[in-house]
Amino acid sequence: MKLHKHDVGNEGAKPRDDTHPRGHSWKPHHDWRVWIAVLLIVMVLGYVLTDSLAIIPGNEVTQPMPEMAAP
């Protein structure tokens, strides 16, 4: 019987111990992608809630625009 190179199997692989836990669980606060997503959401919310960042600082009264003089 001729063996193909795909029929070899895992000659160098170690046997698995199913009683051993498989690594650590995923912790979102340690993942940089979560922090980037949170930052983007905060930036979008800030943009939307401030009406396109058009906050007028202070309580100053704005002067009305002068009317155009009629010819």
Protein backbone atom coordinates (compact mmCIF):
# COMPACT_ATOMS: atom_id res chain seq x y z
CA MET A 1 0.00 0.00 0.00
CA LYS A 2 1.37 3.36 -1.02
CA LEU A 3 1.13 6.24 1.47
CA HIS A 4 0.39 9.70 0.22
CA LYS A 5 1.92 12.71 1.90
CA HIS A 6 -1.50 13.66 3.30
CA ASP A 7 -1.99 10.22 4.90
CA VAL A 8 0.93 10.57 7.30
CA GLY A 9 -1.04 11.98 10.23
CA ASN A 10 0.34 13.81 13.21
CA GLU A 11 3.65 12.09 13.81
CA GLY A 12 5.18 14.90 15.86
CA ALA A 13 2.04 16.07 17.61
CA LYS A 14 1.72 15.67 21.36
CA PRO A 15 -1.30 13.82 22.69
CA ARG A 16 -3.99 16.13 24.02
CA ASP A 17 -4.95 16.11 27.64
CA ASP A 18 -8.66 16.94 27.69
CA THR A 19 -8.65 17.54 31.43
CA HIS A 20 -6.34 20.56 31.08
CA PRO A 21 -8.13 23.90 30.58
CA ARG A 22 -7.65 25.38 27.10
CA GLY A 23 -6.02 28.75 27.71
CA HIS A 24 -7.54 31.87 29.16
CA SER A 25 -10.98 33.21 28.54
CA TRP A 26 -11.37 36.36 26.46
CA LYS A 27 -11.25 39.54 28.55
CA PRO A 28 -12.70 42.49 26.64
CA HIS A 29 -11.02 45.15 28.76
CA HIS A 30 -7.61 43.74 27.77
CA ASP A 31 -8.32 43.80 24.03
CA TRP A 32 -7.19 46.92 22.12
CA ARG A 33 -9.99 46.51 19.56
CA VAL A 34 -12.62 46.97 22.26
CA TRP A 35 -10.99 50.21 23.41
CA ILE A 36 -10.86 51.54 19.83
CA ALA A 37 -14.57 50.72 19.39
CA VAL A 38 -15.45 52.44 22.68
CA LEU A 39 -13.44 55.51 21.68
CA LEU A 40 -15.16 55.71 18.29
CA ILE A 41 -18.61 55.35 19.86
CA VAL A 42 -17.85 58.13 22.36
CA MET A 43 -16.59 60.38 19.57
CA VAL A 44 -19.69 59.79 17.44
CA LEU A 45 -22.00 60.37 20.41
CA GLY A 46 -20.15 63.58 21.25
CA TYR A 47 -20.49 64.76 17.66
CA VAL A 48 -24.21 63.97 17.48
CA LEU A 49 -25.17 65.26 20.93
CA THR A 50 -23.35 68.58 20.47
CA ASP A 51 -25.02 69.29 17.13
CA SER A 52 -21.87 68.83 15.04
CA LEU A 53 -19.60 70.24 17.76
CA ALA A 54 -21.30 73.64 17.46
CA ILE A 55 -21.33 74.46 21.16
CA ILE A 56 -21.07 78.17 21.84
CA PRO A 57 -18.80 78.65 24.87
CA GLY A 58 -20.11 80.85 27.66
CA ASN A 59 -23.46 82.59 27.96
CA GLU A 60 -22.70 85.40 25.59
CA VAL A 61 -25.55 86.88 23.64
CA THR A 62 -24.90 86.70 19.92
CA GLN A 63 -25.56 89.73 17.81
CA PRO A 64 -28.12 89.36 15.03
CA MET A 65 -26.94 89.51 11.45
CA PRO A 66 -27.40 92.96 9.87
CA GLU A 67 -30.09 93.08 7.26
CA MET A 68 -29.08 93.77 3.72
CA ALA A 69 -29.81 97.32 2.64
CA ALA A 70 -32.53 97.41 0.01
CA PRO A 71 -31.50 99.39 -3.10
